[in-house]
């Protein structure tokens, strides 16, 4: 299979398009044919922060993905409803990623707990939801919002922030108020996401 690989901490310009064997799965795993992979700063940070002693000699970057189950291990519970052909999205766990497995490949082997079946949505729309989406969800849960509340979302056009804006507006409703902070270039987009008021930073900055 084709996969982007890296052998040392580096920026994306040093990735190599390699041809490596398709991963083998054990009876408890799924083999996912990757359709879309999402770029997330977390993948790069792992390579930079994890000592080389604990890293695989060759790593495949990135963790979030969407795709199709290509093979299902014999001991994967049928109750999970993840047979071959199922559309899924999910994330390569951090521990597995540190050992070299990643989403920038044609195939990846993961445990069933790492993916969720999806239906009626586009793969490119859910490929980046595993890390950013669950982080946004936990932040919103911690805020304990209710209908009619007012909430401030800082970094509202970032990978997590733009999801938080939408979740918050869905919870507080029309009687509530979502105030967002973002860079000037993203004001219109953040308003379209549901923010009632946008405070922008008139500097040459990126969220």
Protein backbone atom coordinates (compact mmCIF):
# COMPACT_ATOMS: atom_id res chain seq x y z
CA UNK A 1 0.00 0.00 0.00
CA UNK A 2 1.00 3.65 -0.30
CA UNK A 3 1.59 5.67 2.85
CA UNK A 4 3.28 8.87 3.85
CA UNK A 5 6.07 8.12 6.29
CA UNK A 6 8.60 9.98 8.40
CA UNK A 7 11.68 8.72 10.20
CA UNK A 8 12.34 11.74 12.40
CA UNK A 9 10.52 14.78 13.79
CA UNK A 10 9.99 17.15 10.90
CA UNK A 11 7.58 19.43 9.15
CA UNK A 12 5.27 17.94 6.47
CA UNK A 13 7.67 18.87 3.64
CA UNK A 14 9.94 16.01 4.77
CA UNK A 15 7.30 13.28 4.44
CA UNK A 16 8.08 10.44 2.04
CA UNK A 17 5.50 8.65 -0.10
CA UNK A 18 6.39 5.02 0.57
CA UNK A 19 5.17 1.60 -0.52
CA UNK A 20 4.78 -0.68 2.50
CA UNK A 21 2.81 -3.88 3.28
CA UNK A 22 -0.87 -3.68 4.13
CA UNK A 23 -1.25 -4.08 7.92
CA UNK A 24 -2.32 -7.49 9.18
CA UNK A 25 -5.10 -7.70 11.75
CA UNK A 26 -5.67 -10.08 14.60
CA UNK A 27 -9.06 -11.60 15.38
CA UNK A 28 -10.15 -8.61 17.48
CA UNK A 29 -9.29 -5.85 14.99
CA UNK A 30 -10.68 -4.13 11.91
CA UNK A 31 -8.81 -3.30 8.72
CA UNK A 32 -9.94 0.10 7.47
CA UNK A 33 -9.48 1.29 3.91
CA UNK A 34 -8.87 5.00 4.42
CA UNK A 35 -10.85 7.40 2.24
CA UNK A 36 -10.01 10.67 3.99
CA UNK A 37 -7.47 11.65 6.64
CA UNK A 38 -7.53 14.82 8.71
CA UNK A 39 -4.45 16.87 9.56
CA UNK A 40 -4.24 17.69 13.26
CA UNK A 41 -1.44 19.41 15.22
CA UNK A 42 -1.54 16.55 17.73
CA UNK A 43 0.09 14.12 15.32
CA UNK A 44 3.04 16.41 14.74
CA UNK A 45 3.41 17.09 18.45
CA UNK A 46 3.65 13.39 19.25
CA UNK A 47 6.58 13.02 16.85
CA UNK A 48 8.29 16.06 18.32
CA UNK A 49 7.75 15.24 22.00
CA UNK A 50 8.05 11.46 22.09
CA UNK A 51 11.69 10.38 22.61
CA UNK A 52 13.08 8.43 19.65
CA UNK A 53 13.67 5.47 21.98
CA UNK A 54 9.90 4.96 22.21
CA UNK A 55 9.03 5.72 18.57
CA UNK A 56 8.83 3.28 15.72
CA UNK A 57 11.74 3.67 13.26
CA UNK A 58 9.26 4.67 10.56
CA UNK A 59 6.00 6.42 11.46
CA UNK A 60 2.86 7.11 9.46
CA UNK A 61 1.51 10.55 10.48
CA UNK A 62 -1.97 11.64 11.58
CA UNK A 63 -4.73 9.95 13.54
CA UNK A 64 -8.20 11.07 12.37
CA UNK A 65 -9.80 9.35 9.39
CA UNK A 66 -12.89 8.13 7.61
CA UNK A 67 -13.16 5.10 5.38
CA UNK A 68 -14.61 1.65 4.90
CA UNK A 69 -14.15 -1.59 6.84
CA UNK A 70 -12.12 -3.81 4.50
CA UNK A 71 -11.86 -6.79 6.86
CA UNK A 72 -13.32 -7.69 10.23
CA UNK A 73 -11.60 -9.98 12.72
CA UNK A 74 -13.43 -13.18 13.63
CA UNK A 75 -13.85 -12.25 17.31
CA UNK A 76 -15.22 -8.73 16.75
CA UNK A 77 -18.73 -8.84 18.30
CA UNK A 78 -21.49 -8.87 15.71
CA UNK A 79 -23.45 -6.56 18.01
CA UNK A 80 -21.07 -3.75 16.99
CA UNK A 81 -22.46 -4.00 13.46
CA UNK A 82 -19.11 -3.34 11.75
CA UNK A 83 -18.91 -5.93 8.97
CA UNK A 84 -16.79 -5.45 5.87
CA UNK A 85 -18.23 -2.65 3.74
CA UNK A 86 -19.36 -0.48 6.66
CA UNK A 87 -18.59 3.24 6.36
CA UNK A 88 -16.81 4.50 9.49
CA UNK A 89 -14.92 7.41 10.98
CA UNK A 90 -12.61 7.46 13.95
CA UNK A 91 -9.05 7.87 15.15
CA UNK A 92 -5.88 5.83 15.55
CA UNK A 93 -5.25 5.71 19.34
CA UNK A 94 -2.27 7.71 20.60
CA UNK A 95 -0.45 4.60 21.87
CA UNK A 96 -0.81 2.85 18.53
CA UNK A 97 0.14 6.01 16.67
CA UNK A 98 3.35 6.34 18.68
CA UNK A 99 4.28 2.84 17.50
CA UNK A 100 4.13 3.94 13.86
CA UNK A 101 0.51 3.46 12.78
CA UNK A 102 -1.25 6.43 11.22
CA UNK A 103 -4.05 7.68 8.99
CA UNK A 104 -2.01 8.92 6.02
CA UNK A 105 -2.07 5.49 4.43
CA UNK A 106 -4.35 3.45 2.23
CA UNK A 107 -5.10 1.03 5.09
CA UNK A 108 -4.89 1.04 8.88
CA UNK A 109 -5.63 -1.66 11.46
CA UNK A 110 -7.52 -0.54 14.59
CA UNK A 111 -9.63 -1.91 17.41
CA UNK A 112 -13.41 -1.57 16.91
CA UNK A 113 -13.55 0.93 19.78
CA UNK A 114 -11.56 3.37 17.66
CA UNK A 115 -14.21 3.85 14.97
CA UNK A 116 -17.94 4.43 14.64
CA UNK A 117 -20.22 3.41 11.80
CA UNK A 118 -21.80 6.28 9.87
CA UNK A 119 -24.61 6.47 7.36
CA UNK A 120 -25.90 9.30 5.22
CA UNK A 121 -22.94 11.65 5.73
CA UNK A 122 -19.94 12.41 3.54
CA UNK A 123 -16.61 10.92 4.55
CA UNK A 124 -14.81 14.22 4.05
CA UNK A 125 -17.20 15.89 6.49
CA UNK A 126 -16.57 13.48 9.38
CA UNK A 127 -12.89 12.64 8.87
CA UNK A 128 -11.77 15.38 11.26
CA UNK A 129 -14.37 14.89 13.98
CA UNK A 130 -12.75 12.20 16.09
CA UNK A 131 -10.25 14.34 18.02
CA UNK A 132 -11.52 17.88 17.43
CA UNK A 133 -15.17 16.84 17.67
CA UNK A 134 -14.89 14.88 20.90
CA UNK A 135 -12.74 17.63 22.45
CA UNK A 136 -15.36 20.22 21.54
CA UNK A 137 -18.11 18.02 22.95
CA UNK A 138 -16.30 17.60 26.28
CA UNK A 139 -15.73 21.37 26.54
CA UNK A 140 -19.40 22.08 25.93
CA UNK A 141 -20.46 19.41 28.42
CA UNK A 142 -18.17 20.97 31.06
CA UNK A 143 -19.86 24.35 30.52
CA UNK A 144 -23.25 22.88 31.56
CA UNK A 145 -25.13 25.23 29.23
CA UNK A 146 -28.88 25.46 29.05
CA UNK A 147 -31.46 27.24 26.94
CA UNK A 148 -31.20 31.02 27.24
CA UNK A 149 -27.59 31.10 28.50
CA UNK A 150 -24.91 33.43 27.15
CA UNK A 151 -21.48 32.01 26.35
CA UNK A 152 -18.14 33.35 25.08
CA UNK A 153 -16.16 31.16 22.67
CA UNK A 154 -12.52 32.18 22.25
CA UNK A 155 -10.66 30.96 19.14
CA UNK A 156 -14.02 30.45 17.45
CA UNK A 157 -12.65 29.76 13.97
CA UNK A 158 -10.11 27.16 15.09
CA UNK A 159 -10.42 23.43 14.53
CA UNK A 160 -12.17 22.90 17.87
CA UNK A 161 -13.65 26.38 18.29
CA UNK A 162 -15.77 26.32 15.16
CA UNK A 163 -17.43 23.13 16.40
CA UNK A 164 -17.95 24.61 19.88
CA UNK A 165 -19.78 27.60 18.37
CA UNK A 166 -22.27 25.35 16.60
CA UNK A 167 -22.80 23.10 19.62
CA UNK A 168 -23.30 26.05 21.95
CA UNK A 169 -25.84 27.71 19.68
CA UNK A 170 -27.74 24.46 19.38
CA UNK A 171 -27.99 24.25 23.18
CA UNK A 172 -28.71 27.87 24.15
CA UNK A 173 -31.21 28.35 21.34
CA UNK A 174 -32.59 31.56 19.92
CA UNK A 175 -33.13 32.99 23.40
CA UNK A 176 -29.47 32.48 24.26
CA UNK A 177 -26.39 34.31 23.01
CA UNK A 178 -23.12 33.05 21.60
CA UNK A 179 -20.33 35.64 21.49
CA UNK A 180 -17.30 34.51 19.48
CA UNK A 181 -13.71 35.75 19.28
CA UNK A 182 -11.71 35.12 16.12
CA UNK A 183 -9.38 36.76 13.64
CA UNK A 184 -10.76 39.45 11.34
CA UNK A 185 -10.59 37.29 8.23
CA UNK A 186 -13.01 34.72 9.71
CA UNK A 187 -15.76 37.01 11.02
CA UNK A 188 -18.31 36.28 8.29
CA UNK A 189 -17.71 32.53 8.47
CA UNK A 190 -18.11 32.42 12.27
CA UNK A 191 -21.36 34.38 12.03
CA UNK A 192 -22.59 31.84 9.50
CA UNK A 193 -21.80 29.10 12.04
CA UNK A 194 -24.37 30.60 14.40
CA UNK A 195 -22.55 33.19 16.51
CA UNK A 196 -24.79 36.07 17.56
CA UNK A 197 -21.88 38.48 17.97
CA UNK A 198 -18.28 38.24 16.77
CA UNK A 199 -15.37 40.12 18.32
CA UNK A 200 -12.46 40.08 15.91
CA UNK A 201 -8.73 40.54 16.38
CA UNK A 202 -7.47 43.06 13.77
CA UNK A 203 -4.00 41.52 13.57
CA UNK A 204 -2.24 39.32 11.07
CA UNK A 205 -2.93 36.22 13.14
CA UNK A 206 -4.31 32.74 12.47
CA UNK A 207 -6.65 30.92 14.86
